[in-house]
Amino acid sequence: MLEFTWKVFSETGNIDTYLLYKELEQQSLPKKEEQENELAEIDFPMM
């Protein structure tokens, strides 16, 4: 969804589309951090 929103913004220059992109980006950040934490736990399991 982020890629599509960015593509629409880059083609139209619509500010509302950019703001939507930034909102979606912020919502996806915690998920990325959670995934990184999960991968770190797999690489270095706690005993």
C-alpha atoms as a PDB file:
ATOM      1  CA  MET A   1       0.000   0.000   0.000  1.00  0.00           C
ATOM      2  CA  LEU A   2       2.889   2.354   0.742  1.00  0.00           C
ATOM      3  CA  GLU A   3       4.378   1.885  -2.704  1.00  0.00           C
ATOM      4  CA  PHE A   4       1.055   2.573  -4.404  1.00  0.00           C
ATOM      5  CA  THR A   5       0.435   5.695  -2.334  1.00  0.00           C
ATOM      6  CA  TRP A   6       3.935   6.994  -3.067  1.00  0.00           C
ATOM      7  CA  LYS A   7       3.497   6.321  -6.777  1.00  0.00           C
ATOM      8  CA  VAL A   8       0.204   8.253  -6.846  1.00  0.00           C
ATOM      9  CA  PHE A   9       1.827  11.149  -4.979  1.00  0.00           C
ATOM     10  CA  SER A  10       4.882  11.226  -7.238  1.00  0.00           C
ATOM     11  CA  GLU A  11       2.689  11.299 -10.329  1.00  0.00           C
ATOM     12  CA  THR A  12       0.148  13.838  -9.073  1.00  0.00           C
ATOM     13  CA  GLY A  13       1.963  15.911  -6.452  1.00  0.00           C
ATOM     14  CA  ASN A  14      -1.218  15.817  -4.375  1.00  0.00           C
ATOM     15  CA  ILE A  15      -0.462  16.904  -0.792  1.00  0.00           C
ATOM     16  CA  ASP A  16      -3.320  14.838   0.648  1.00  0.00           C
ATOM     17  CA  THR A  17      -1.821  11.728  -0.925  1.00  0.00           C
ATOM     18  CA  TYR A  18       1.563  12.569   0.599  1.00  0.00           C
ATOM     19  CA  LEU A  19      -0.009  13.019   4.022  1.00  0.00           C
ATOM     20  CA  LEU A  20      -1.762   9.665   3.637  1.00  0.00           C
ATOM     21  CA  TYR A  21       1.581   8.113   2.690  1.00  0.00           C
ATOM     22  CA  LYS A  22       3.254   9.527   5.820  1.00  0.00           C
ATOM     23  CA  GLU A  23       0.390   8.311   8.006  1.00  0.00           C
ATOM     24  CA  LEU A  24       0.598   4.811   6.575  1.00  0.00           C
ATOM     25  CA  GLU A  25       4.370   4.876   6.964  1.00  0.00           C
ATOM     26  CA  GLN A  26       4.082   5.780  10.650  1.00  0.00           C
ATOM     27  CA  GLN A  27       1.550   3.011  11.227  1.00  0.00           C
ATOM     28  CA  SER A  28       3.882   0.453   9.686  1.00  0.00           C
ATOM     29  CA  LEU A  29       6.929   1.430  11.764  1.00  0.00           C
ATOM     30  CA  PRO A  30       6.035  -0.450  14.966  1.00  0.00           C
ATOM     31  CA  LYS A  31       5.490  -3.592  12.919  1.00  0.00           C
ATOM     32  CA  LYS A  32       8.988  -3.321  11.473  1.00  0.00           C
ATOM     33  CA  GLU A  33      10.474  -2.907  14.956  1.00  0.00           C
ATOM     34  CA  GLU A  34       8.554  -5.938  16.204  1.00  0.00           C
ATOM     35  CA  GLN A  35       9.840  -7.998  13.278  1.00  0.00           C
ATOM     36  CA  GLU A  36      13.406  -6.907  13.964  1.00  0.00           C
ATOM     37  CA  ASN A  37      13.036  -7.862  17.617  1.00  0.00           C
ATOM     38  CA  GLU A  38      11.656 -11.261  16.682  1.00  0.00           C
ATOM     39  CA  LEU A  39      14.541 -11.858  14.280  1.00  0.00           C
ATOM     40  CA  ALA A  40      17.050 -10.790  16.922  1.00  0.00           C
ATOM     41  CA  GLU A  41      15.536 -13.261  19.370  1.00  0.00           C
ATOM     42  CA  ILE A  42      15.868 -16.031  16.791  1.00  0.00           C
ATOM     43  CA  ASP A  43      19.516 -15.165  16.196  1.00  0.00           C
ATOM     44  CA  PHE A  44      20.332 -14.733  19.882  1.00  0.00           C
ATOM     45  CA  PRO A  45      17.860 -16.720  21.975  1.00  0.00           C
ATOM     46  CA  MET A  46      17.609 -15.808  25.635  1.00  0.00           C
ATOM     47  CA  MET A  47      18.533 -18.624  27.983  1.00  0.00           C
END
